């Protein structure tokens, strides 16, 4: 069992990397037999890995037809970010009401501590990881475990989009996050919500633009 699990994890990591790097074209059907041969694995661990990636939103599955790379159309990206905005703004509203000052201060201290990691040489996956950690810390302050689960799911489904976005932007800083937490410390709900909405909306636009550029560069015939 341990050996099989290790095999699945290895295949999962390989295929997730391929999906994140757009080695599968958007909406392209995945040839399981060919992919298993390329990875030097059997169909069983590959199928389990593919199912995990469907659950995380990296791939889709169509009954009777198989696994496909996800679409990169602007409407699907917008849907994800609108869902994030709704969940995070509700979490923020609850957090302002429920979080104690030491808890808010801890989040601010976290942002100050990680600021040196936001450099021009920072890898895209590191920037996404730092961004996700802040937003998860924020939603945890709401005290609502269901909102946490929903945001974790949205993060997994949009992570590959954000990797592309971060890879195209090197001027990322925690400034927007600091503005949000400082408004929360003042218990200024209106300003905190405005900052959160604006932050996610800007990321949505930037991510859509980055994905369009990546799509045109990688998949338009020359």
N, C-alpha and C. Protein backbone atom coordinates (compact mmCIF):
# COMPACT_ATOMS: atom_id res chain seq x y z
N UNK A 1 0.83 -1.21 0.00
CA UNK A 1 0.00 0.00 0.00
C UNK A 1 0.87 1.25 0.00
N UNK A 2 1.93 1.25 0.84
CA UNK A 2 2.81 2.41 0.88
C UNK A 2 3.49 2.64 -0.44
N UNK A 3 3.91 1.54 -1.09
CA UNK A 3 4.59 1.65 -2.38
C UNK A 3 3.66 2.21 -3.43
N UNK A 4 2.40 1.71 -3.42
CA UNK A 4 1.42 2.19 -4.40
C UNK A 4 1.11 3.67 -4.17
N UNK A 5 0.96 4.05 -2.92
CA UNK A 5 0.67 5.46 -2.61
C UNK A 5 1.82 6.34 -3.06
N UNK A 6 3.04 5.90 -2.86
CA UNK A 6 4.20 6.66 -3.29
C UNK A 6 4.20 6.82 -4.81
N UNK A 7 3.81 5.76 -5.52
CA UNK A 7 3.75 5.80 -6.97
C UNK A 7 2.70 6.79 -7.44
N UNK A 8 1.55 6.78 -6.80
CA UNK A 8 0.48 7.71 -7.17
C UNK A 8 0.90 9.15 -6.92
N UNK A 9 1.53 9.38 -5.77
CA UNK A 9 1.97 10.74 -5.44
C UNK A 9 2.98 11.25 -6.46
N UNK A 10 3.90 10.37 -6.88
CA UNK A 10 4.91 10.77 -7.84
C UNK A 10 4.27 11.13 -9.18
N UNK A 11 3.34 10.30 -9.63
CA UNK A 11 2.65 10.56 -10.89
C UNK A 11 1.82 11.83 -10.78
N UNK A 12 1.16 11.98 -9.65
CA UNK A 12 0.35 13.17 -9.40
C UNK A 12 1.19 14.44 -9.52
N UNK A 13 2.35 14.44 -8.87
CA UNK A 13 3.22 15.62 -8.93
C UNK A 13 3.65 15.92 -10.36
N UNK A 14 3.97 14.87 -11.12
CA UNK A 14 4.42 15.07 -12.50
C UNK A 14 3.31 15.65 -13.36
N UNK A 15 2.12 15.08 -13.26
CA UNK A 15 1.01 15.53 -14.11
C UNK A 15 0.52 16.91 -13.68
N UNK A 16 0.53 17.18 -12.38
CA UNK A 16 0.13 18.51 -11.93
C UNK A 16 1.09 19.56 -12.48
N UNK A 17 2.39 19.25 -12.47
CA UNK A 17 3.36 20.17 -13.04
C UNK A 17 3.12 20.41 -14.52
N UNK A 18 2.76 19.34 -15.23
CA UNK A 18 2.47 19.48 -16.66
C UNK A 18 1.25 20.36 -16.89
N UNK A 19 0.23 20.16 -16.06
CA UNK A 19 -0.99 20.97 -16.19
C UNK A 19 -0.71 22.44 -15.86
N UNK A 20 0.07 22.67 -14.78
CA UNK A 20 0.38 24.04 -14.38
C UNK A 20 1.22 24.76 -15.41
N UNK A 21 2.07 24.01 -16.11
CA UNK A 21 2.95 24.60 -17.12
C UNK A 21 2.35 24.59 -18.52
N UNK A 22 1.07 24.27 -18.59
CA UNK A 22 0.35 24.26 -19.87
C UNK A 22 0.97 23.32 -20.90
N UNK A 23 1.46 22.19 -20.42
CA UNK A 23 1.93 21.18 -21.36
C UNK A 23 0.76 20.44 -22.00
N UNK A 24 -0.43 20.59 -21.40
CA UNK A 24 -1.67 20.16 -22.03
C UNK A 24 -2.37 21.42 -22.52
N UNK A 25 -2.86 21.43 -23.72
CA UNK A 25 -3.56 22.59 -24.22
C UNK A 25 -4.95 22.68 -23.57
N UNK A 26 -5.46 23.90 -23.35
CA UNK A 26 -6.80 24.05 -22.77
C UNK A 26 -7.84 23.27 -23.56
N UNK A 27 -8.66 22.50 -22.83
CA UNK A 27 -9.74 21.68 -23.36
C UNK A 27 -9.25 20.51 -24.21
N UNK A 28 -7.95 20.23 -24.17
CA UNK A 28 -7.41 19.09 -24.91
C UNK A 28 -7.69 17.79 -24.15
N UNK A 29 -8.10 16.76 -24.88
CA UNK A 29 -8.33 15.45 -24.27
C UNK A 29 -6.98 14.80 -23.96
N UNK A 30 -6.87 14.20 -22.79
CA UNK A 30 -5.63 13.56 -22.36
C UNK A 30 -5.64 12.09 -22.76
N UNK A 31 -4.66 11.70 -23.51
CA UNK A 31 -4.50 10.31 -23.93
C UNK A 31 -3.83 9.54 -22.79
N UNK A 32 -4.63 8.78 -22.03
CA UNK A 32 -4.10 8.11 -20.84
C UNK A 32 -3.01 7.11 -21.17
N UNK A 33 -3.21 6.35 -22.24
CA UNK A 33 -2.21 5.35 -22.61
C UNK A 33 -0.88 5.99 -22.97
N UNK A 34 -0.94 7.04 -23.76
CA UNK A 34 0.28 7.73 -24.17
C UNK A 34 0.96 8.40 -22.98
N UNK A 35 0.15 9.02 -22.10
CA UNK A 35 0.72 9.70 -20.95
C UNK A 35 1.37 8.70 -19.99
N UNK A 36 0.72 7.55 -19.78
CA UNK A 36 1.28 6.51 -18.91
C UNK A 36 2.63 6.04 -19.46
N UNK A 37 2.72 5.91 -20.77
CA UNK A 37 3.97 5.48 -21.39
C UNK A 37 5.05 6.53 -21.21
N UNK A 38 4.68 7.81 -21.39
CA UNK A 38 5.65 8.90 -21.24
C UNK A 38 6.20 8.98 -19.82
N UNK A 39 5.33 8.70 -18.85
CA UNK A 39 5.73 8.82 -17.45
C UNK A 39 6.33 7.52 -16.90
N UNK A 40 6.26 6.48 -17.69
CA UNK A 40 6.80 5.20 -17.25
C UNK A 40 6.01 4.60 -16.10
N UNK A 41 4.68 4.70 -16.17
CA UNK A 41 3.83 4.20 -15.10
C UNK A 41 2.70 3.36 -15.69
N UNK A 42 1.92 2.74 -14.82
CA UNK A 42 0.77 1.96 -15.27
C UNK A 42 -0.47 2.84 -15.23
N UNK A 43 -1.55 2.31 -15.78
CA UNK A 43 -2.78 3.11 -15.87
C UNK A 43 -3.43 3.33 -14.50
N UNK A 44 -3.23 2.39 -13.56
CA UNK A 44 -3.92 2.50 -12.27
C UNK A 44 -3.47 3.73 -11.46
N UNK A 45 -2.17 3.91 -11.21
CA UNK A 45 -1.77 5.13 -10.48
C UNK A 45 -2.03 6.39 -11.27
N UNK A 46 -1.94 6.30 -12.61
CA UNK A 46 -2.22 7.48 -13.43
C UNK A 46 -3.68 7.88 -13.30
N UNK A 47 -4.58 6.89 -13.34
CA UNK A 47 -6.01 7.21 -13.23
C UNK A 47 -6.33 7.83 -11.87
N UNK A 48 -5.71 7.33 -10.80
CA UNK A 48 -5.95 7.92 -9.48
C UNK A 48 -5.42 9.35 -9.42
N UNK A 49 -4.25 9.57 -10.02
CA UNK A 49 -3.68 10.91 -10.03
C UNK A 49 -4.57 11.86 -10.84
N UNK A 50 -5.07 11.39 -11.97
CA UNK A 50 -5.94 12.23 -12.80
C UNK A 50 -7.23 12.57 -12.06
N UNK A 51 -7.78 11.61 -11.33
CA UNK A 51 -8.99 11.88 -10.57
C UNK A 51 -8.74 12.92 -9.48
N UNK A 52 -7.58 12.86 -8.84
CA UNK A 52 -7.23 13.87 -7.84
C UNK A 52 -7.14 15.24 -8.48
N UNK A 53 -6.59 15.31 -9.67
CA UNK A 53 -6.43 16.59 -10.35
C UNK A 53 -7.77 17.14 -10.83
N UNK A 54 -8.70 16.25 -11.12
CA UNK A 54 -10.05 16.71 -11.45
C UNK A 54 -10.69 17.34 -10.21
N UNK A 55 -10.53 16.67 -9.07
CA UNK A 55 -11.10 17.20 -7.82
C UNK A 55 -10.52 18.56 -7.47
N UNK A 56 -9.26 18.79 -7.83
CA UNK A 56 -8.60 20.06 -7.52
C UNK A 56 -8.83 21.11 -8.59
N UNK A 57 -9.43 20.73 -9.69
CA UNK A 57 -9.74 21.71 -10.73
C UNK A 57 -8.67 21.89 -11.78
N UNK A 58 -7.62 21.08 -11.76
CA UNK A 58 -6.59 21.18 -12.79
C UNK A 58 -7.07 20.57 -14.10
N UNK A 59 -7.92 19.56 -13.99
CA UNK A 59 -8.45 18.86 -15.16
C UNK A 59 -9.96 18.73 -15.03
N UNK A 60 -10.61 18.31 -16.10
CA UNK A 60 -12.03 18.01 -16.05
C UNK A 60 -12.24 16.59 -16.58
N UNK A 61 -13.40 16.02 -16.25
CA UNK A 61 -13.72 14.68 -16.72
C UNK A 61 -15.09 14.70 -17.39
N UNK A 62 -15.17 14.08 -18.55
CA UNK A 62 -16.43 13.98 -19.28
C UNK A 62 -16.81 12.51 -19.39
N UNK A 63 -17.99 12.18 -18.90
CA UNK A 63 -18.42 10.79 -18.91
C UNK A 63 -18.37 10.19 -20.31
N UNK A 64 -17.74 9.04 -20.39
CA UNK A 64 -17.65 8.34 -21.66
C UNK A 64 -16.62 8.88 -22.61
N UNK A 65 -15.94 9.96 -22.21
CA UNK A 65 -14.97 10.58 -23.12
C UNK A 65 -13.58 10.71 -22.51
N UNK A 66 -13.50 10.80 -21.18
CA UNK A 66 -12.20 10.83 -20.55
C UNK A 66 -11.84 12.14 -19.88
N UNK A 67 -10.54 12.32 -19.66
CA UNK A 67 -10.02 13.50 -18.96
C UNK A 67 -9.58 14.57 -19.95
N UNK A 68 -9.80 15.83 -19.54
CA UNK A 68 -9.45 16.96 -20.39
C UNK A 68 -8.75 18.04 -19.57
N UNK A 69 -7.90 18.78 -20.23
CA UNK A 69 -7.32 19.96 -19.60
C UNK A 69 -8.43 20.99 -19.43
N UNK A 70 -8.33 21.77 -18.37
CA UNK A 70 -9.35 22.79 -18.11
C UNK A 70 -9.35 23.89 -19.15
N UNK A 71 -10.50 24.54 -19.26
CA UNK A 71 -10.63 25.68 -20.14
C UNK A 71 -9.93 26.89 -19.53
N UNK A 72 -9.45 27.78 -20.38
CA UNK A 72 -8.84 29.03 -19.92
C UNK A 72 -9.67 30.24 -20.37
N UNK A 73 -10.94 30.02 -20.63
CA UNK A 73 -11.75 31.14 -21.10
C UNK A 73 -11.94 32.16 -19.98
N UNK A 74 -12.02 33.44 -20.34
CA UNK A 74 -12.13 34.51 -19.34
C UNK A 74 -13.31 34.33 -18.39
N UNK A 75 -14.42 33.78 -18.86
CA UNK A 75 -15.60 33.66 -18.00
C UNK A 75 -15.36 32.69 -16.86
N UNK A 76 -14.62 31.60 -17.10
CA UNK A 76 -14.35 30.64 -16.02
C UNK A 76 -13.39 31.23 -15.00
N UNK A 77 -12.44 32.04 -15.46
CA UNK A 77 -11.52 32.71 -14.54
C UNK A 77 -12.28 33.73 -13.69
N UNK A 78 -13.16 34.48 -14.34
CA UNK A 78 -13.96 35.48 -13.62
C UNK A 78 -14.84 34.81 -12.57
N UNK A 79 -15.44 33.66 -12.92
CA UNK A 79 -16.29 32.95 -11.97
C UNK A 79 -15.52 32.60 -10.70
N UNK A 80 -14.30 32.11 -10.86
CA UNK A 80 -13.49 31.72 -9.70
C UNK A 80 -13.18 32.93 -8.81
N UNK A 81 -12.80 34.03 -9.43
CA UNK A 81 -12.43 35.20 -8.64
C UNK A 81 -13.66 35.86 -8.00
N UNK A 82 -14.80 35.81 -8.68
CA UNK A 82 -16.02 36.34 -8.06
C UNK A 82 -16.42 35.50 -6.85
N UNK A 83 -16.24 34.18 -6.97
CA UNK A 83 -16.54 33.30 -5.83
C UNK A 83 -15.58 33.60 -4.67
N UNK A 84 -14.30 33.78 -5.00
CA UNK A 84 -13.32 34.13 -3.97
C UNK A 84 -13.71 35.42 -3.27
N UNK A 85 -14.12 36.41 -4.05
CA UNK A 85 -14.47 37.70 -3.47
C UNK A 85 -15.64 37.56 -2.51
N UNK A 86 -16.65 36.80 -2.91
CA UNK A 86 -17.83 36.62 -2.05
C UNK A 86 -17.46 35.91 -0.74
N UNK A 87 -16.67 34.85 -0.85
CA UNK A 87 -16.28 34.07 0.33
C UNK A 87 -15.38 34.90 1.25
N UNK A 88 -14.39 35.57 0.67
CA UNK A 88 -13.43 36.30 1.50
C UNK A 88 -14.05 37.54 2.14
N UNK A 89 -14.95 38.18 1.45
CA UNK A 89 -15.58 39.36 2.05
C UNK A 89 -16.50 38.96 3.20
N UNK A 90 -17.19 37.84 3.05
CA UNK A 90 -18.01 37.37 4.17
C UNK A 90 -17.12 36.95 5.32
N UNK A 91 -15.99 36.28 5.02
CA UNK A 91 -15.06 35.90 6.08
C UNK A 91 -14.49 37.11 6.79
N UNK A 92 -14.18 38.15 6.03
CA UNK A 92 -13.64 39.38 6.60
C UNK A 92 -14.67 40.04 7.52
N UNK A 93 -15.93 40.06 7.08
CA UNK A 93 -16.99 40.66 7.90
C UNK A 93 -17.10 39.95 9.24
N UNK A 94 -17.05 38.63 9.22
CA UNK A 94 -17.12 37.86 10.46
C UNK A 94 -15.87 38.06 11.31
N UNK A 95 -14.71 38.14 10.65
CA UNK A 95 -13.45 38.29 11.37
C UNK A 95 -13.38 39.61 12.13
N UNK A 96 -13.85 40.69 11.52
CA UNK A 96 -13.83 41.98 12.20
C UNK A 96 -14.68 41.93 13.48
N UNK A 97 -15.73 41.15 13.42
CA UNK A 97 -16.62 41.04 14.58
C UNK A 97 -16.08 40.08 15.64
N UNK A 98 -15.35 39.03 15.19
CA UNK A 98 -14.97 37.96 16.10
C UNK A 98 -13.49 37.94 16.52
N UNK A 99 -12.61 38.39 15.65
CA UNK A 99 -11.17 38.25 15.93
C UNK A 99 -10.72 39.20 17.03
N UNK A 100 -9.84 38.70 17.87
CA UNK A 100 -9.26 39.54 18.92
C UNK A 100 -8.04 40.27 18.38
N UNK A 101 -7.70 41.37 19.03
CA UNK A 101 -6.58 42.19 18.55
C UNK A 101 -5.28 41.40 18.43
N UNK A 102 -4.93 40.54 19.40
CA UNK A 102 -3.69 39.76 19.26
C UNK A 102 -3.68 38.88 18.02
N UNK A 103 -4.84 38.37 17.63
CA UNK A 103 -4.93 37.52 16.43
C UNK A 103 -4.68 38.35 15.17
N UNK A 104 -5.24 39.55 15.14
CA UNK A 104 -5.02 40.44 14.00
C UNK A 104 -3.56 40.86 13.94
N UNK A 105 -3.00 41.14 15.10
CA UNK A 105 -1.59 41.55 15.17
C UNK A 105 -0.68 40.44 14.67
N UNK A 106 -1.02 39.21 14.92
CA UNK A 106 -0.21 38.07 14.47
C UNK A 106 -0.18 38.01 12.95
N UNK A 107 -1.32 38.27 12.32
CA UNK A 107 -1.36 38.26 10.86
C UNK A 107 -0.51 39.39 10.29
N UNK A 108 -0.59 40.56 10.92
CA UNK A 108 0.23 41.68 10.45
C UNK A 108 1.72 41.37 10.62
N UNK A 109 2.07 40.76 11.73
CA UNK A 109 3.47 40.39 11.97
C UNK A 109 3.95 39.39 10.91
N UNK A 110 3.07 38.49 10.53
CA UNK A 110 3.39 37.52 9.48
C UNK A 110 3.72 38.24 8.17
N UNK A 111 2.92 39.25 7.81
CA UNK A 111 3.15 40.00 6.58
C UNK A 111 4.47 40.75 6.61
N UNK A 112 4.77 41.35 7.74
CA UNK A 112 6.03 42.09 7.88
C UNK A 112 7.22 41.13 7.78
N UNK A 113 7.06 39.96 8.39
CA UNK A 113 8.15 38.96 8.39
C UNK A 113 8.46 38.45 6.99
N UNK A 114 7.42 38.24 6.17
CA UNK A 114 7.64 37.64 4.84
C UNK A 114 7.95 38.68 3.76
N UNK A 115 7.85 39.97 4.09
CA UNK A 115 8.06 41.00 3.06
C UNK A 115 9.38 40.85 2.31
N UNK A 116 10.50 40.50 2.97
CA UNK A 116 11.76 40.35 2.23
C UNK A 116 11.74 39.25 1.17
N UNK A 117 10.78 38.33 1.27
CA UNK A 117 10.70 37.24 0.30
C UNK A 117 10.07 37.69 -1.02
N UNK A 118 9.46 38.87 -1.01
CA UNK A 118 8.87 39.42 -2.24
C UNK A 118 9.96 40.14 -3.02
N UNK A 119 10.72 39.39 -3.76
CA UNK A 119 11.81 39.98 -4.54
C UNK A 119 11.60 39.68 -6.01
N UNK A 120 12.36 40.36 -6.84
CA UNK A 120 12.26 40.14 -8.28
C UNK A 120 12.65 38.75 -8.71
N UNK A 121 13.38 38.04 -7.83
CA UNK A 121 13.81 36.68 -8.15
C UNK A 121 12.92 35.61 -7.54
N UNK A 122 11.88 36.02 -6.84
CA UNK A 122 11.01 35.04 -6.19
C UNK A 122 10.28 34.20 -7.22
N UNK A 123 10.27 32.90 -6.99
CA UNK A 123 9.58 31.99 -7.91
C UNK A 123 8.08 32.18 -7.80
N UNK A 124 7.38 31.97 -8.92
CA UNK A 124 5.94 32.17 -8.95
C UNK A 124 5.22 31.31 -7.93
N UNK A 125 5.66 30.06 -7.76
CA UNK A 125 4.97 29.19 -6.81
C UNK A 125 5.14 29.67 -5.37
N UNK A 126 6.28 30.30 -5.07
CA UNK A 126 6.49 30.86 -3.73
C UNK A 126 5.57 32.04 -3.50
N UNK A 127 5.45 32.91 -4.50
CA UNK A 127 4.57 34.08 -4.37
C UNK A 127 3.12 33.66 -4.18
N UNK A 128 2.71 32.64 -4.92
CA UNK A 128 1.34 32.15 -4.78
C UNK A 128 1.14 31.53 -3.40
N UNK A 129 2.13 30.80 -2.92
CA UNK A 129 2.04 30.18 -1.60
C UNK A 129 1.91 31.24 -0.51
N UNK A 130 2.68 32.32 -0.61
CA UNK A 130 2.60 33.39 0.39
C UNK A 130 1.24 34.08 0.33
N UNK A 131 0.75 34.30 -0.88
CA UNK A 131 -0.54 34.95 -1.05
C UNK A 131 -1.65 34.09 -0.46
N UNK A 132 -1.62 32.80 -0.76
CA UNK A 132 -2.64 31.90 -0.25
C UNK A 132 -2.60 31.82 1.28
N UNK A 133 -1.40 31.81 1.84
CA UNK A 133 -1.29 31.71 3.29
C UNK A 133 -1.92 32.91 3.98
N UNK A 134 -1.70 34.10 3.41
CA UNK A 134 -2.33 35.29 4.01
C UNK A 134 -3.85 35.16 3.97
N UNK A 135 -4.38 34.81 2.80
CA UNK A 135 -5.84 34.75 2.67
C UNK A 135 -6.44 33.65 3.53
N UNK A 136 -5.73 32.53 3.69
CA UNK A 136 -6.23 31.48 4.57
C UNK A 136 -6.18 31.92 6.03
N UNK A 137 -5.14 32.65 6.41
CA UNK A 137 -5.07 33.19 7.79
C UNK A 137 -6.24 34.14 8.04
N UNK A 138 -6.57 34.91 7.03
CA UNK A 138 -7.68 35.86 7.16
C UNK A 138 -9.00 35.12 7.36
N UNK A 139 -9.24 34.09 6.55
CA UNK A 139 -10.51 33.38 6.64
C UNK A 139 -10.61 32.60 7.95
N UNK A 140 -9.47 32.16 8.48
CA UNK A 140 -9.46 31.45 9.76
C UNK A 140 -9.93 32.37 10.89
N UNK A 141 -9.66 33.67 10.76
CA UNK A 141 -10.09 34.63 11.78
C UNK A 141 -11.61 34.74 11.86
N UNK A 142 -12.30 34.28 10.81
CA UNK A 142 -13.76 34.35 10.81
C UNK A 142 -14.36 33.35 11.79
N UNK A 143 -13.61 32.29 12.08
CA UNK A 143 -14.13 31.25 12.96
C UNK A 143 -15.13 30.35 12.29
N UNK A 144 -15.24 30.46 10.96
CA UNK A 144 -16.22 29.65 10.21
C UNK A 144 -15.46 28.59 9.41
N UNK A 145 -15.55 27.34 9.85
CA UNK A 145 -14.80 26.26 9.21
C UNK A 145 -15.29 25.96 7.81
N UNK A 146 -16.57 26.19 7.53
CA UNK A 146 -17.09 25.93 6.19
C UNK A 146 -16.53 26.94 5.18
N UNK A 147 -16.39 28.19 5.59
CA UNK A 147 -15.78 29.18 4.70
C UNK A 147 -14.33 28.82 4.42
N UNK A 148 -13.63 28.29 5.43
CA UNK A 148 -12.25 27.85 5.24
C UNK A 148 -12.18 26.77 4.18
N UNK A 149 -13.08 25.79 4.27
CA UNK A 149 -13.08 24.69 3.30
C UNK A 149 -13.36 25.20 1.89
N UNK A 150 -14.30 26.11 1.78
CA UNK A 150 -14.64 26.64 0.46
C UNK A 150 -13.46 27.39 -0.14
N UNK A 151 -12.80 28.23 0.67
CA UNK A 151 -11.66 28.99 0.15
C UNK A 151 -10.51 28.06 -0.23
N UNK A 152 -10.27 27.04 0.57
CA UNK A 152 -9.20 26.08 0.24
C UNK A 152 -9.48 25.43 -1.11
N UNK A 153 -10.73 25.11 -1.36
CA UNK A 153 -11.11 24.51 -2.64
C UNK A 153 -10.91 25.50 -3.79
N UNK A 154 -11.32 26.74 -3.59
CA UNK A 154 -11.15 27.76 -4.62
C UNK A 154 -9.67 28.01 -4.91
N UNK A 155 -8.86 28.00 -3.86
CA UNK A 155 -7.42 28.18 -4.05
C UNK A 155 -6.85 27.07 -4.92
N UNK A 156 -7.25 25.83 -4.64
CA UNK A 156 -6.74 24.70 -5.42
C UNK A 156 -7.18 24.81 -6.87
N UNK A 157 -8.40 25.26 -7.10
CA UNK A 157 -8.94 25.33 -8.46
C UNK A 157 -8.35 26.48 -9.27
N UNK A 158 -7.89 27.52 -8.57
CA UNK A 158 -7.35 28.67 -9.30
C UNK A 158 -5.84 28.77 -9.23
N UNK A 159 -5.21 27.81 -8.55
CA UNK A 159 -3.77 27.93 -8.32
C UNK A 159 -2.97 27.99 -9.61
N UNK A 160 -3.32 27.17 -10.57
CA UNK A 160 -2.53 27.17 -11.81
C UNK A 160 -2.67 28.48 -12.57
N UNK A 161 -3.84 29.12 -12.45
CA UNK A 161 -4.04 30.42 -13.08
C UNK A 161 -3.15 31.45 -12.40
N UNK A 162 -3.07 31.38 -11.09
CA UNK A 162 -2.29 32.34 -10.34
C UNK A 162 -0.80 32.13 -10.53
N UNK A 163 -0.40 30.89 -10.76
CA UNK A 163 1.01 30.64 -11.08
C UNK A 163 1.40 31.38 -12.35
N UNK A 164 0.55 31.28 -13.37
CA UNK A 164 0.84 31.98 -14.62
C UNK A 164 0.87 33.48 -14.40
N UNK A 165 -0.07 33.98 -13.63
CA UNK A 165 -0.13 35.41 -13.34
C UNK A 165 1.12 35.88 -12.61
N UNK A 166 1.50 35.18 -11.55
CA UNK A 166 2.68 35.57 -10.78
C UNK A 166 3.95 35.46 -11.61
N UNK A 167 3.99 34.51 -12.52
CA UNK A 167 5.17 34.33 -13.34
C UNK A 167 5.36 35.50 -14.30
N UNK A 168 4.29 36.24 -14.55
CA UNK A 168 4.35 37.38 -15.46
C UNK A 168 4.47 38.72 -14.73
N UNK A 169 4.41 38.68 -13.39
CA UNK A 169 4.49 39.92 -12.62
C UNK A 169 5.57 39.79 -11.58
N UNK A 170 6.50 40.72 -11.58
CA UNK A 170 7.58 40.68 -10.62
C UNK A 170 7.55 41.86 -9.65
N UNK A 171 6.47 42.64 -9.68
CA UNK A 171 6.38 43.79 -8.78
C UNK A 171 5.40 43.51 -7.64
N UNK A 172 5.30 42.25 -7.24
CA UNK A 172 4.35 41.87 -6.20
C UNK A 172 4.89 42.26 -4.82
N UNK A 173 4.04 42.87 -4.02
CA UNK A 173 4.40 43.24 -2.65
C UNK A 173 3.22 42.90 -1.74
N UNK A 174 3.45 42.86 -0.42
CA UNK A 174 2.34 42.60 0.51
C UNK A 174 1.58 43.87 0.90
N UNK A 175 1.79 44.96 0.18
CA UNK A 175 1.18 46.24 0.55
C UNK A 175 -0.34 46.17 0.63
N UNK A 176 -0.96 45.54 -0.36
CA UNK A 176 -2.43 45.45 -0.36
C UNK A 176 -2.92 44.65 0.84
N UNK A 177 -2.20 43.60 1.17
CA UNK A 177 -2.57 42.80 2.33
C UNK A 177 -2.45 43.60 3.63
N UNK A 178 -1.40 44.40 3.71
CA UNK A 178 -1.20 45.23 4.91
C UNK A 178 -2.34 46.24 5.07
N UNK A 179 -2.78 46.82 3.96
CA UNK A 179 -3.90 47.77 4.05
C UNK A 179 -5.16 47.09 4.58
N UNK A 180 -5.39 45.87 4.15
CA UNK A 180 -6.58 45.14 4.61
C UNK A 180 -6.51 44.87 6.11
N UNK A 181 -5.38 44.34 6.57
CA UNK A 181 -5.29 43.98 7.98
C UNK A 181 -5.29 45.22 8.87
N UNK A 182 -4.72 46.32 8.40
CA UNK A 182 -4.73 47.55 9.19
C UNK A 182 -6.13 48.12 9.31
N UNK A 183 -6.93 48.02 8.24
CA UNK A 183 -8.33 48.47 8.32
C UNK A 183 -9.10 47.59 9.30
N UNK A 184 -8.78 46.31 9.31
CA UNK A 184 -9.43 45.41 10.26
C UNK A 184 -9.06 45.75 11.69
N UNK A 185 -7.81 46.10 11.91
CA UNK A 185 -7.38 46.47 13.27
C UNK A 185 -8.12 47.71 13.75
N UNK A 186 -8.48 48.58 12.82
CA UNK A 186 -9.26 49.78 13.18
C UNK A 186 -10.75 49.46 13.30
N UNK A 187 -11.10 48.21 12.98
CA UNK A 187 -12.50 47.76 12.94
C UNK A 187 -13.30 48.59 11.94
N UNK A 188 -12.63 48.95 10.84
CA UNK A 188 -13.26 49.74 9.79
C UNK A 188 -13.75 48.77 8.71
N UNK A 189 -14.96 48.27 8.90
CA UNK A 189 -15.50 47.25 8.00
C UNK A 189 -15.62 47.75 6.57
N UNK A 190 -16.14 48.95 6.40
CA UNK A 190 -16.34 49.49 5.05
C UNK A 190 -15.03 49.58 4.28
N UNK A 191 -13.98 50.11 4.92
CA UNK A 191 -12.70 50.25 4.24
C UNK A 191 -12.05 48.88 3.99
N UNK A 192 -12.14 48.00 4.96
CA UNK A 192 -11.55 46.66 4.79
C UNK A 192 -12.21 45.92 3.65
N UNK A 193 -13.54 46.01 3.55
CA UNK A 193 -14.24 45.35 2.45
C UNK A 193 -13.87 45.97 1.11
N UNK A 194 -13.77 47.28 1.07
CA UNK A 194 -13.40 47.96 -0.18
C UNK A 194 -12.00 47.54 -0.61
N UNK A 195 -11.08 47.45 0.35
CA UNK A 195 -9.71 47.04 0.03
C UNK A 195 -9.67 45.59 -0.46
N UNK A 196 -10.43 44.72 0.19
CA UNK A 196 -10.45 43.32 -0.21
C UNK A 196 -11.06 43.15 -1.59
N UNK A 197 -12.19 43.81 -1.82
CA UNK A 197 -12.83 43.70 -3.13
C UNK A 197 -11.91 44.22 -4.23
N UNK A 198 -11.29 45.36 -3.97
CA UNK A 198 -10.40 45.95 -4.97
C UNK A 198 -9.21 45.07 -5.24
N UNK A 199 -8.66 44.48 -4.19
CA UNK A 199 -7.49 43.61 -4.31
C UNK A 199 -7.81 42.39 -5.18
N UNK A 200 -8.92 41.72 -4.90
CA UNK A 200 -9.28 40.52 -5.65
C UNK A 200 -9.68 40.87 -7.08
N UNK A 201 -10.38 42.00 -7.26
CA UNK A 201 -10.78 42.41 -8.61
C UNK A 201 -9.56 42.69 -9.48
N UNK A 202 -8.56 43.37 -8.91
CA UNK A 202 -7.34 43.65 -9.67
C UNK A 202 -6.62 42.36 -10.03
N UNK A 203 -6.56 41.43 -9.08
CA UNK A 203 -5.92 40.15 -9.36
C UNK A 203 -6.66 39.40 -10.46
N UNK A 204 -7.98 39.50 -10.46
CA UNK A 204 -8.78 38.83 -11.49
C UNK A 204 -8.44 39.36 -12.88
N UNK A 205 -8.36 40.68 -13.00
CA UNK A 205 -8.03 41.30 -14.29
C UNK A 205 -6.62 40.94 -14.72
N UNK A 206 -5.68 41.00 -13.77
CA UNK A 206 -4.28 40.70 -14.10
C UNK A 206 -4.12 39.24 -14.49
N UNK A 207 -4.82 38.36 -13.78
CA UNK A 207 -4.72 36.93 -14.08
C UNK A 207 -5.28 36.64 -15.46
N UNK A 208 -6.42 37.26 -15.79
CA UNK A 208 -7.02 37.05 -17.11
C UNK A 208 -6.08 37.51 -18.21
N UNK A 209 -5.47 38.67 -18.03
CA UNK A 209 -4.53 39.19 -19.02
C UNK A 209 -3.31 38.28 -19.16
N UNK A 210 -2.78 37.80 -18.04
CA UNK A 210 -1.60 36.94 -18.07
C UNK A 210 -1.92 35.62 -18.76
N UNK A 211 -3.09 35.08 -18.49
CA UNK A 211 -3.47 33.81 -19.10
C UNK A 211 -3.69 33.99 -20.60
N UNK A 212 -4.27 35.11 -20.99
CA UNK A 212 -4.44 35.36 -22.43
C UNK A 212 -3.09 35.42 -23.13
N UNK A 213 -2.12 36.10 -22.51
CA UNK A 213 -0.79 36.19 -23.11
C UNK A 213 -0.13 34.82 -23.20
N UNK A 214 -0.25 34.06 -22.11
CA UNK A 214 0.36 32.73 -22.11
C UNK A 214 -0.28 31.85 -23.18
N UNK A 215 -1.59 31.96 -23.32
CA UNK A 215 -2.30 31.16 -24.31
C UNK A 215 -1.85 31.51 -25.72
N UNK A 216 -1.76 32.81 -26.00
CA UNK A 216 -1.37 33.24 -27.34
C UNK A 216 0.07 32.85 -27.66
N UNK A 217 0.93 32.91 -26.64
CA UNK A 217 2.35 32.58 -26.86
C UNK A 217 2.58 31.08 -27.05
N UNK A 218 1.79 30.29 -26.32
CA UNK A 218 2.04 28.86 -26.34
C UNK A 218 1.26 28.09 -27.40
N UNK A 219 0.07 28.59 -27.76
CA UNK A 219 -0.82 27.74 -28.55
C UNK A 219 -1.25 28.30 -29.89
N UNK A 220 -0.93 29.54 -30.18
CA UNK A 220 -1.28 30.08 -31.49
C UNK A 220 -0.22 29.62 -32.49
N UNK A 221 -0.63 28.97 -33.59
CA UNK A 221 0.35 28.47 -34.57
C UNK A 221 1.19 29.60 -35.13
N UNK A 222 2.49 29.36 -35.36
CA UNK A 222 3.40 30.33 -35.92
C UNK A 222 3.64 30.02 -37.39
